[in-house]
Amino acid sequence: MNFPIEVKKSKVAGKGAFAQKAIPAKRKLGNMAGEIISYKEAQRRVKNQKEGELLMVEFDNDPVALDASVNRNALSYINHSCDPNTYMRRAYRKVEFYSKRAIKKGEELTCDYGETHHDGKLPCKCGAKNCRGFI
């Protein structure tokens, strides 16, 4: 990881990732850790998951997924927000996070998850002014 990140209790959901020092805009934070698995194995794990245990990221045009609940790092604790301060890039079997804007020391890192397996049915708790209400 390119910046120090602390995992602690979040106001959004469970644990969150927090900047331990200021992060300038448009900087790579690092790569999310995890295990690359086949799409078929990802579907099996999702089907057998317990609530809140699985962190699966699928890749476009590639029949694999990243299971970030295995060998996880602080970036896997980035919670969803409808008004995020980071964005995710999925390419070359890597999940990278970048700062969208300057992030203050102590600020929670957030990302707009976009489409998820929740199909827009999971209530969003981000608290943003532009909150869509569901993930």
Protein backbone atom coordinates (compact mmCIF):
# COMPACT_ATOMS: atom_id res chain seq x y z
CA MET A 1 0.00 0.00 0.00
CA ASN A 2 1.20 3.49 -0.80
CA PHE A 3 -0.31 5.30 2.21
CA PRO A 4 -0.74 4.23 5.84
CA ILE A 5 -4.30 3.06 6.49
CA GLU A 6 -5.83 2.08 9.83
CA VAL A 7 -8.76 -0.30 10.28
CA LYS A 8 -11.18 0.66 13.04
CA LYS A 9 -14.89 0.97 13.86
CA SER A 10 -16.88 2.74 11.16
CA LYS A 11 -20.01 4.88 11.35
CA VAL A 12 -21.02 3.46 7.95
CA ALA A 13 -20.81 -0.29 8.62
CA GLY A 14 -18.73 -2.54 10.88
CA LYS A 15 -15.07 -1.77 10.44
CA GLY A 16 -13.71 0.79 8.01
CA ALA A 17 -10.41 1.95 6.51
CA PHE A 18 -9.12 5.35 7.69
CA ALA A 19 -6.30 7.52 6.35
CA GLN A 20 -3.48 7.80 8.91
CA LYS A 21 -2.11 10.84 7.08
CA ALA A 22 -3.40 13.24 4.43
CA ILE A 23 -3.67 11.75 0.94
CA PRO A 24 -3.50 14.02 -2.13
CA ALA A 25 -6.08 13.77 -4.91
CA LYS A 26 -5.59 11.33 -7.78
CA ARG A 27 -3.08 9.07 -6.02
CA LYS A 28 -2.96 5.29 -6.03
CA LEU A 29 -3.64 3.95 -2.55
CA GLY A 30 -2.67 0.38 -3.39
CA ASN A 31 -4.02 -3.00 -4.45
CA MET A 32 -6.66 -4.94 -2.56
CA ALA A 33 -5.27 -8.25 -1.34
CA GLY A 34 -7.07 -11.55 -1.71
CA GLU A 35 -7.25 -14.79 -3.61
CA ILE A 36 -7.88 -15.01 -7.37
CA ILE A 37 -10.41 -17.80 -7.97
CA SER A 38 -12.48 -19.06 -10.89
CA TYR A 39 -15.88 -17.55 -11.53
CA LYS A 40 -17.42 -20.95 -10.78
CA GLU A 41 -15.68 -21.09 -7.38
CA ALA A 42 -16.78 -17.48 -6.69
CA GLN A 43 -20.41 -18.46 -7.33
CA ARG A 44 -20.04 -21.45 -4.98
CA ARG A 45 -18.57 -19.26 -2.21
CA VAL A 46 -21.26 -16.59 -2.62
CA LYS A 47 -23.98 -19.24 -2.41
CA ASN A 48 -22.51 -20.64 0.83
CA GLN A 49 -21.57 -17.33 2.43
CA LYS A 50 -22.64 -16.09 5.81
CA GLU A 51 -23.75 -12.44 6.06
CA GLY A 52 -20.80 -10.05 6.08
CA GLU A 53 -18.14 -12.72 5.53
CA LEU A 54 -17.47 -12.53 1.80
CA LEU A 55 -15.86 -9.75 -0.21
CA MET A 56 -15.97 -10.77 -3.86
CA VAL A 57 -14.86 -8.60 -6.79
CA GLU A 58 -15.54 -9.84 -10.31
CA PHE A 59 -13.59 -8.79 -13.39
CA ASP A 60 -15.15 -7.79 -16.71
CA ASN A 61 -14.18 -10.05 -19.64
CA ASP A 62 -12.25 -12.43 -17.37
CA PRO A 63 -13.72 -15.61 -15.84
CA VAL A 64 -12.15 -15.01 -12.43
CA ALA A 65 -12.89 -13.08 -9.23
CA LEU A 66 -10.91 -11.73 -6.29
CA ASP A 67 -12.02 -13.10 -2.93
CA ALA A 68 -10.83 -10.28 -0.67
CA SER A 69 -12.01 -12.05 2.48
CA VAL A 70 -8.92 -14.30 2.13
CA ASN A 71 -5.53 -12.80 3.09
CA ARG A 72 -7.18 -9.39 3.31
CA ASN A 73 -5.50 -6.02 3.77
CA ALA A 74 -6.82 -2.65 4.96
CA LEU A 75 -8.23 -1.77 1.52
CA SER A 76 -10.81 -4.55 1.86
CA TYR A 77 -12.37 -2.51 4.69
CA ILE A 78 -13.29 0.41 2.44
CA ASN A 79 -17.04 0.89 2.90
CA HIS A 80 -19.57 2.03 0.32
CA SER A 81 -20.65 5.65 -0.03
CA CYS A 82 -22.87 7.34 -2.59
CA ASP A 83 -20.42 10.28 -2.34
CA PRO A 84 -17.06 8.47 -2.18
CA ASN A 85 -13.53 9.82 -1.76
CA THR A 86 -11.89 6.90 -3.62
CA TYR A 87 -12.60 4.86 -6.73
CA MET A 88 -11.81 1.29 -7.67
CA ARG A 89 -10.12 0.13 -10.87
CA ARG A 90 -10.39 -3.54 -11.84
CA ALA A 91 -7.83 -4.60 -14.44
CA TYR A 92 -5.26 -7.32 -15.08
CA ARG A 93 -6.64 -9.39 -12.20
CA LYS A 94 -5.91 -6.60 -9.74
CA VAL A 95 -8.24 -4.34 -7.76
CA GLU A 96 -6.64 -0.91 -7.34
CA PHE A 97 -7.90 2.03 -5.29
CA TYR A 98 -7.24 5.71 -6.08
CA SER A 99 -8.15 8.91 -4.25
CA LYS A 100 -10.81 10.95 -6.09
CA ARG A 101 -10.00 14.07 -4.10
CA ALA A 102 -7.74 15.13 -1.25
CA ILE A 103 -8.43 13.01 1.84
CA LYS A 104 -7.82 14.37 5.34
CA LYS A 105 -5.91 12.54 8.05
CA GLY A 106 -8.41 10.44 10.03
CA GLU A 107 -11.06 10.48 7.28
CA GLU A 108 -12.77 7.20 6.43
CA LEU A 109 -12.04 5.89 2.94
CA THR A 110 -15.17 5.16 0.90
CA CYS A 111 -15.96 3.89 -2.59
CA ASP A 112 -19.15 3.69 -4.64
CA TYR A 113 -19.59 -0.07 -5.07
CA GLY A 114 -21.84 0.35 -8.10
CA GLU A 115 -23.73 -2.83 -8.98
CA THR A 116 -23.53 -5.52 -6.31
CA HIS A 117 -25.05 -8.95 -5.69
CA HIS A 118 -27.54 -7.16 -3.41
CA ASP A 119 -29.42 -6.01 -6.54
CA GLY A 120 -30.28 -2.63 -5.01
CA LYS A 121 -32.06 -4.19 -2.02
CA LEU A 122 -29.51 -3.60 0.77
CA PRO A 123 -30.26 -0.37 2.67
CA CYS A 124 -27.39 2.13 2.33
CA LYS A 125 -26.09 3.70 5.53
CA CYS A 126 -23.50 6.05 4.04
CA GLY A 127 -25.20 9.26 5.21
CA ALA A 128 -24.24 11.25 2.09
CA LYS A 129 -26.51 14.09 1.01
CA ASN A 130 -26.97 12.36 -2.35
CA CYS A 131 -27.52 8.88 -0.85
CA ARG A 132 -29.48 6.60 -3.18
CA GLY A 133 -30.95 4.74 -0.19
CA PHE A 134 -29.94 1.23 -1.35
CA ILE A 135 -26.87 -0.61 -2.62
